[in-house]
Protein backbone atom coordinates (compact mmCIF):
# COMPACT_ATOMS: atom_id res chain seq x y z
CA UNK A 1 -93.25 67.53 -42.43
CA UNK A 2 -96.90 66.61 -43.73
CA UNK A 3 -97.09 63.92 -46.26
CA UNK A 4 -98.30 66.35 -48.59
CA UNK A 5 -94.89 68.37 -48.08
CA UNK A 6 -92.95 65.33 -48.23
CA UNK A 7 -94.38 64.65 -51.89
CA UNK A 8 -94.09 67.69 -53.16
CA UNK A 9 -89.98 67.94 -51.66
CA UNK A 10 -89.40 64.64 -53.37
CA UNK A 11 -91.06 65.85 -56.91
CA UNK A 12 -89.09 68.79 -56.53
CA UNK A 13 -85.89 66.50 -55.88
CA UNK A 14 -86.78 64.63 -58.74
CA UNK A 15 -87.07 67.28 -61.61
CA UNK A 16 -83.89 68.46 -60.41
CA UNK A 17 -82.00 65.26 -60.95
CA UNK A 18 -83.56 64.62 -64.34
CA UNK A 19 -82.94 68.02 -65.12
CA UNK A 20 -79.32 67.73 -64.69
CA UNK A 21 -79.00 64.11 -66.03
CA UNK A 22 -79.11 65.96 -69.87
CA UNK A 23 -76.07 66.97 -68.81
CA UNK A 24 -74.35 63.79 -67.51
CA UNK A 25 -75.94 61.79 -70.38
CA UNK A 26 -74.39 64.46 -73.08
CA UNK A 27 -71.19 63.01 -71.24
CA UNK A 28 -71.53 59.45 -71.24
CA UNK A 29 -72.78 59.44 -75.19
CA UNK A 30 -69.57 61.02 -75.78
CA UNK A 31 -67.85 57.28 -74.85
CA UNK A 32 -70.42 55.07 -75.43
CA UNK A 33 -74.20 54.39 -77.91
CA UNK A 34 -77.08 55.14 -76.64
CA UNK A 35 -77.92 51.50 -75.79
CA UNK A 36 -74.47 50.95 -73.73
CA UNK A 37 -75.16 53.74 -71.82
CA UNK A 38 -78.79 52.41 -70.65
CA UNK A 39 -77.44 49.01 -69.94
CA UNK A 40 -74.69 50.55 -67.89
CA UNK A 41 -76.71 53.02 -66.17
CA UNK A 42 -79.26 50.26 -65.08
CA UNK A 43 -76.41 47.61 -64.40
CA UNK A 44 -74.84 50.74 -61.71
CA UNK A 45 -78.39 51.23 -60.07
CA UNK A 46 -79.00 47.61 -59.95
CA UNK A 47 -75.33 46.98 -57.96
CA UNK A 48 -76.74 50.16 -55.21
CA UNK A 49 -80.32 48.37 -54.98
CA UNK A 50 -78.63 45.36 -54.04
CA UNK A 51 -76.26 46.94 -51.58
CA UNK A 52 -78.85 48.54 -49.92
CA UNK A 53 -81.45 45.41 -49.72
CA UNK A 54 -78.49 43.79 -48.05
CA UNK A 55 -77.73 46.66 -45.73
CA UNK A 56 -80.99 47.39 -44.69
CA UNK A 57 -81.84 43.26 -44.57
CA UNK A 58 -84.85 43.95 -46.77
CA UNK A 59 -86.49 41.13 -48.84
CA UNK A 60 -88.05 41.72 -51.86
CA UNK A 61 -90.54 38.63 -52.55
CA UNK A 62 -92.71 38.64 -55.28
CA UNK A 63 -95.60 36.36 -55.96
CA UNK A 64 -97.03 35.43 -59.56
CA UNK A 65 -99.87 37.31 -59.11
CA UNK A 66 -97.92 40.35 -57.59
CA UNK A 67 -95.36 40.22 -60.76
CA UNK A 68 -98.81 40.10 -62.85
CA UNK A 69 -100.04 43.66 -60.99
CA UNK A 70 -96.21 45.13 -61.25
CA UNK A 71 -95.42 44.29 -64.78
CA UNK A 72 -97.92 46.49 -66.62
CA UNK A 73 -95.81 49.65 -64.49
CA UNK A 74 -92.44 48.08 -65.38
CA UNK A 75 -93.08 47.17 -69.18
CA UNK A 76 -94.14 51.21 -69.38
CA UNK A 77 -91.39 52.56 -67.24
CA UNK A 78 -88.32 51.75 -67.93
CA UNK A 79 -88.88 49.78 -70.90
CA UNK A 80 -91.03 51.47 -73.21
CA UNK A 81 -90.47 54.95 -72.16
CA UNK A 82 -86.31 54.75 -72.01
CA UNK A 83 -86.57 52.71 -75.67
CA UNK A 84 -88.86 54.75 -77.47
CA UNK A 85 -86.69 57.74 -76.17
CA UNK A 86 -83.53 56.46 -77.03
CA UNK A 87 -84.54 55.29 -80.59
CA UNK A 88 -86.65 58.74 -81.19
CA UNK A 89 -83.70 60.62 -80.99
CA UNK A 90 -81.63 59.15 -83.38
CA UNK A 91 -84.25 60.32 -85.76
CA UNK A 92 -84.88 63.91 -84.37
CA UNK A 93 -83.74 66.59 -82.36
CA UNK A 94 -83.25 66.98 -78.84
CA UNK A 95 -85.52 70.36 -79.07
CA UNK A 96 -87.78 68.71 -81.07
CA UNK A 97 -88.29 65.92 -78.33
CA UNK A 98 -88.28 68.46 -75.85
CA UNK A 99 -91.62 69.79 -76.86
CA UNK A 100 -93.51 66.76 -77.84
CA UNK A 101 -92.20 65.66 -74.18
CA UNK A 102 -94.01 68.27 -72.77
CA UNK A 103 -97.08 66.58 -73.94
CA UNK A 104 -97.07 64.37 -70.89
CA UNK A 105 -98.84 65.97 -68.18
CA UNK A 106 -101.72 66.45 -70.77
CA UNK A 107 -101.71 62.73 -71.50
CA UNK A 108 -101.35 62.09 -67.71
CA UNK A 109 -104.25 64.77 -67.06
CA UNK A 110 -106.53 62.29 -69.80
CA UNK A 111 -105.29 59.35 -68.68
CA UNK A 112 -105.96 60.25 -65.04
CA UNK A 113 -109.24 61.22 -65.78
CA UNK A 114 -110.36 58.19 -67.73
CA UNK A 115 -108.85 55.15 -65.80
CA UNK A 116 -108.58 57.06 -62.24
CA UNK A 117 -111.21 59.33 -62.10
CA UNK A 118 -108.94 62.31 -61.01
CA UNK A 119 -110.86 65.14 -62.28
CA UNK A 120 -108.66 68.46 -62.67
CA UNK A 121 -110.66 71.54 -62.14
CA UNK A 122 -110.16 74.55 -64.42
CA UNK A 123 -108.02 76.29 -62.76
CA UNK A 124 -105.55 73.34 -62.68
CA UNK A 125 -106.16 72.62 -66.16
CA UNK A 126 -105.51 76.28 -66.81
CA UNK A 127 -101.85 76.23 -65.31
CA UNK A 128 -101.28 72.76 -66.41
CA UNK A 129 -101.43 73.77 -70.04
CA UNK A 130 -99.41 77.17 -69.04
CA UNK A 131 -96.34 74.88 -67.98
CA UNK A 132 -96.71 72.78 -71.23
CA UNK A 133 -96.96 76.05 -72.82
CA UNK A 134 -93.80 77.38 -71.13
CA UNK A 135 -91.44 74.45 -72.31
CA UNK A 136 -92.86 74.67 -75.87
CA UNK A 137 -92.16 78.45 -76.26
CA UNK A 138 -88.21 77.80 -74.66
CA UNK A 139 -87.94 74.98 -77.34
CA UNK A 140 -89.59 76.73 -80.44
CA UNK A 141 -87.56 79.95 -79.74
CA UNK A 142 -84.30 78.01 -79.46
CA UNK A 143 -83.45 76.41 -82.68
CA UNK A 144 -86.29 74.13 -83.58
CA UNK A 145 -86.87 76.32 -86.64
CA UNK A 146 -82.83 74.79 -87.95
CA UNK A 147 -83.87 70.96 -87.00
CA UNK A 148 -84.84 68.56 -89.79
CA UNK A 149 -88.29 66.92 -88.90
CA UNK A 150 -88.51 63.36 -89.10
CA UNK A 151 -91.91 61.76 -88.67
CA UNK A 152 -90.49 58.12 -87.48
CA UNK A 153 -88.65 60.43 -84.52
CA UNK A 154 -91.83 62.56 -84.06
CA UNK A 155 -93.98 59.44 -83.32
CA UNK A 156 -91.35 57.34 -81.40
CA UNK A 157 -91.00 60.21 -78.86
CA UNK A 158 -94.76 61.07 -78.83
CA UNK A 159 -94.95 57.13 -77.82
CA UNK A 160 -92.54 57.38 -75.14
CA UNK A 161 -94.38 60.33 -73.99
CA UNK A 162 -97.36 58.40 -73.96
CA UNK A 163 -95.56 55.72 -72.00
CA UNK A 164 -94.49 57.92 -69.18
CA UNK A 165 -98.24 59.34 -68.89
CA UNK A 166 -99.64 55.73 -68.46
CA UNK A 167 -96.56 54.98 -66.17
CA UNK A 168 -97.52 58.14 -63.61
CA UNK A 169 -101.46 56.40 -63.90
CA UNK A 170 -100.63 53.11 -62.92
CA UNK A 171 -98.13 53.86 -60.66
CA UNK A 172 -100.69 55.92 -58.72
CA UNK A 173 -103.04 52.41 -57.72
CA UNK A 174 -99.53 50.11 -57.91
CA UNK A 175 -97.63 52.50 -55.04
CA UNK A 176 -100.40 52.00 -52.54
CA UNK A 177 -100.45 47.95 -52.54
CA UNK A 178 -96.30 47.53 -52.22
CA UNK A 179 -93.43 49.17 -50.99
CA UNK A 180 -91.35 51.89 -52.63
CA UNK A 181 -88.33 49.93 -52.51
CA UNK A 182 -90.09 46.60 -53.61
CA UNK A 183 -91.49 48.81 -56.37
CA UNK A 184 -88.05 49.91 -57.15
CA UNK A 185 -86.16 47.30 -57.16
CA UNK A 186 -88.37 45.38 -59.60
CA UNK A 187 -88.24 48.37 -61.83
CA UNK A 188 -84.22 48.25 -61.75
CA UNK A 189 -83.82 44.78 -61.73
CA UNK A 190 -86.03 44.72 -65.02
CA UNK A 191 -84.47 47.47 -66.53
CA UNK A 192 -80.89 46.01 -66.43
CA UNK A 193 -82.21 42.89 -67.98
CA UNK A 194 -84.11 44.33 -70.81
CA UNK A 195 -81.24 46.90 -71.63
CA UNK A 196 -78.51 44.94 -71.01
CA UNK A 197 -79.53 41.86 -73.38
CA UNK A 198 -80.99 44.87 -76.14
CA UNK A 199 -76.81 46.28 -75.83
CA UNK A 200 -75.37 42.68 -75.86
CA UNK A 201 -76.99 41.17 -78.78
CA UNK A 202 -76.46 44.65 -80.57
CA UNK A 203 -72.79 44.11 -79.99
CA UNK A 204 -73.20 40.37 -81.40
CA UNK A 205 -74.60 41.08 -84.32
CA UNK A 206 -72.27 43.87 -85.22
CA UNK A 207 -69.18 41.85 -83.44
CA UNK A 208 -68.40 44.14 -81.32
CA UNK A 209 -68.80 42.35 -77.91
CA UNK A 210 -65.21 43.54 -76.85
CA UNK A 211 -66.08 46.89 -76.55
CA UNK A 212 -68.71 46.69 -74.63
CA UNK A 213 -67.22 47.71 -71.48
CA UNK A 214 -64.83 49.87 -73.17
CA UNK A 215 -66.37 53.04 -71.78
CA UNK A 216 -65.15 52.39 -68.11
CA UNK A 217 -61.81 52.89 -68.76
CA UNK A 218 -63.03 56.80 -69.40
CA UNK A 219 -63.30 58.49 -65.60
CA UNK A 220 -65.95 60.90 -67.01
CA UNK A 221 -67.87 58.18 -67.87
CA UNK A 222 -67.21 56.46 -64.99
CA UNK A 223 -69.05 59.66 -62.81
CA UNK A 224 -71.50 60.24 -65.66
CA UNK A 225 -72.71 56.70 -65.49
CA UNK A 226 -73.10 56.60 -61.55
CA UNK A 227 -75.14 60.01 -61.45
CA UNK A 228 -77.34 58.71 -63.97
CA UNK A 229 -77.37 54.87 -62.63
CA UNK A 230 -77.65 55.61 -58.68
CA UNK A 231 -79.69 59.02 -59.10
CA UNK A 232 -81.15 59.33 -62.22
CA UNK A 233 -82.42 56.07 -62.49
CA UNK A 234 -82.69 54.58 -59.08
CA UNK A 235 -83.58 57.21 -56.72
CA UNK A 236 -86.07 59.34 -59.20
CA UNK A 237 -87.74 56.11 -59.27
CA UNK A 238 -88.49 55.77 -55.67
CA UNK A 239 -89.12 59.91 -55.48
CA UNK A 240 -91.91 59.46 -58.61
CA UNK A 241 -93.30 56.27 -57.06
CA UNK A 242 -93.39 57.96 -53.72
CA UNK A 243 -94.86 61.48 -54.92
CA UNK A 244 -97.32 59.47 -56.94
CA UNK A 245 -98.20 57.24 -53.75
CA UNK A 246 -99.77 60.63 -52.39
CA UNK A 247 -100.23 63.08 -54.76
CA UNK A 248 -102.83 62.85 -58.14
CA UNK A 249 -100.82 61.75 -61.15
CA UNK A 250 -101.68 65.14 -62.92
CA UNK A 251 -99.64 66.99 -60.16
CA UNK A 252 -96.63 64.84 -60.25
CA UNK A 253 -96.86 65.07 -64.00
CA UNK A 254 -95.86 68.69 -64.31
CA UNK A 255 -92.95 68.36 -62.35
CA UNK A 256 -91.20 67.04 -65.46
CA UNK A 257 -91.62 70.59 -67.08
CA UNK A 258 -89.94 71.84 -64.30
CA UNK A 259 -86.85 69.23 -65.00
CA UNK A 260 -86.62 71.57 -68.48
CA UNK A 261 -85.83 74.83 -66.47
CA UNK A 262 -83.44 72.80 -64.06
CA UNK A 263 -81.61 71.82 -67.65
CA UNK A 264 -81.26 74.97 -68.88
CA UNK A 265 -79.76 76.48 -65.83
CA UNK A 266 -77.57 73.25 -65.76
CA UNK A 267 -76.41 74.23 -69.52
CA UNK A 268 -75.44 77.54 -68.33
CA UNK A 269 -73.23 76.82 -65.80
CA UNK A 270 -71.41 73.89 -66.53
CA UNK A 271 -71.57 73.76 -70.37
CA UNK A 272 -71.47 77.64 -70.59
CA UNK A 273 -74.20 77.83 -72.84
CA UNK A 274 -75.92 81.28 -73.40
CA UNK A 275 -79.14 82.67 -72.01
CA UNK A 276 -81.96 84.25 -73.92
CA UNK A 277 -84.71 86.81 -73.06
CA UNK A 278 -86.60 83.73 -74.22
CA UNK A 279 -85.22 81.62 -71.53
CA UNK A 280 -85.93 83.81 -68.74
CA UNK A 281 -89.73 84.46 -70.12
CA UNK A 282 -90.21 80.61 -70.56
CA UNK A 283 -89.07 80.11 -67.12
CA UNK A 284 -91.35 82.27 -65.80
CA UNK A 285 -93.73 80.69 -67.37
CA UNK A 286 -93.45 77.16 -66.16
CA UNK A 287 -92.90 78.24 -62.65
CA UNK A 288 -95.74 79.95 -62.76
CA UNK A 289 -97.55 76.30 -64.27
CA UNK A 290 -96.32 74.41 -61.95
CA UNK A 291 -97.30 76.67 -58.82
CA UNK A 292 -100.92 77.34 -60.30
CA UNK A 293 -101.02 73.56 -61.20
CA UNK A 294 -100.30 72.50 -57.52
CA UNK A 295 -101.87 75.57 -55.44
CA UNK A 296 -105.18 76.31 -57.24
CA UNK A 297 -105.71 72.48 -58.90
CA UNK A 298 -109.03 71.41 -57.43
CA UNK A 299 -108.70 67.48 -58.12
CA UNK A 300 -111.47 65.69 -57.50
CA UNK A 301 -110.73 62.01 -57.14
CA UNK A 302 -113.15 58.98 -56.16
CA UNK A 303 -110.14 57.18 -54.17
CA UNK A 304 -110.32 57.75 -50.44
CA UNK A 305 -106.98 59.75 -49.26
CA UNK A 306 -104.63 57.59 -47.52
CA UNK A 307 -101.56 57.74 -44.75
CA UNK A 308 -98.71 55.12 -44.80
CA UNK A 309 -96.03 54.31 -42.58
CA UNK A 310 -92.14 53.97 -43.08
CA UNK A 311 -91.97 53.87 -47.30
CA UNK A 312 -89.54 51.17 -47.31
CA UNK A 313 -91.52 48.81 -45.06
CA UNK A 314 -95.01 47.60 -45.91
CA UNK A 315 -97.58 50.00 -46.06
CA UNK A 316 -100.09 50.29 -43.16
CA UNK A 317 -103.06 51.83 -44.09
CA UNK A 318 -104.91 54.20 -41.74
């Protein structure tokens, strides 16, 4: 399998995991607050990352100079992305948030053109926008008309989308300089420290620290947090970093819209949600956009193409 095929496979797997994460997030939020859910999922992610590091006997050594290079990536994702997202969802509906986050590929395309000099051809721009329209169509036809609008929530979700787009661009450069495991480990560690600190401080303020670990008494929450931590946090960080080390940022970002399609399928199968004609139409538009963006896209980049050795080890540029 060529590097490009592996990158596409990783991107598709990334979309599938993210798509199903909505189902598990709904279960976890029945037992814990959004901040506690984030704290526990990154605790689980870091625990597995440490186990992998010990089993592979892989060292994670970061100099002060390296930390300065990686910190912007970590700051954008997971810290800013999840923080803006979780607080944005307090003030707005999930449908409206989904519409706003469908702008991630557009922000990524603009950012990639500005910072990476990755210029998309007319065909790619058309299909990328088509994919975004497919997501917007589904959410608009679903139940947006019944959701209360909140300017504060809209702004927070929009900031979350911008953070995700900038992450796609920053990761495109950083993933070529460090091993994927190192990047994933560092991102997970900072996510663990940040969200646990926020959750603990919140409990201290509310004098409810004794309830911080209470959700783990629920088997449903435990299963959900394992999925969210191990797959939706740790593995997706690795998969996205790997894909972005090979694919242009604008191509990778469009797979976030494919995740929307997976979410709908998961809802129908596991939550017994009804599927309507506009779901089918929107799904076809999304798929056409994803396929068109990656097949007909004509990225012109000033960066030289590179191939790498084992992605978990230090890279060898040929």
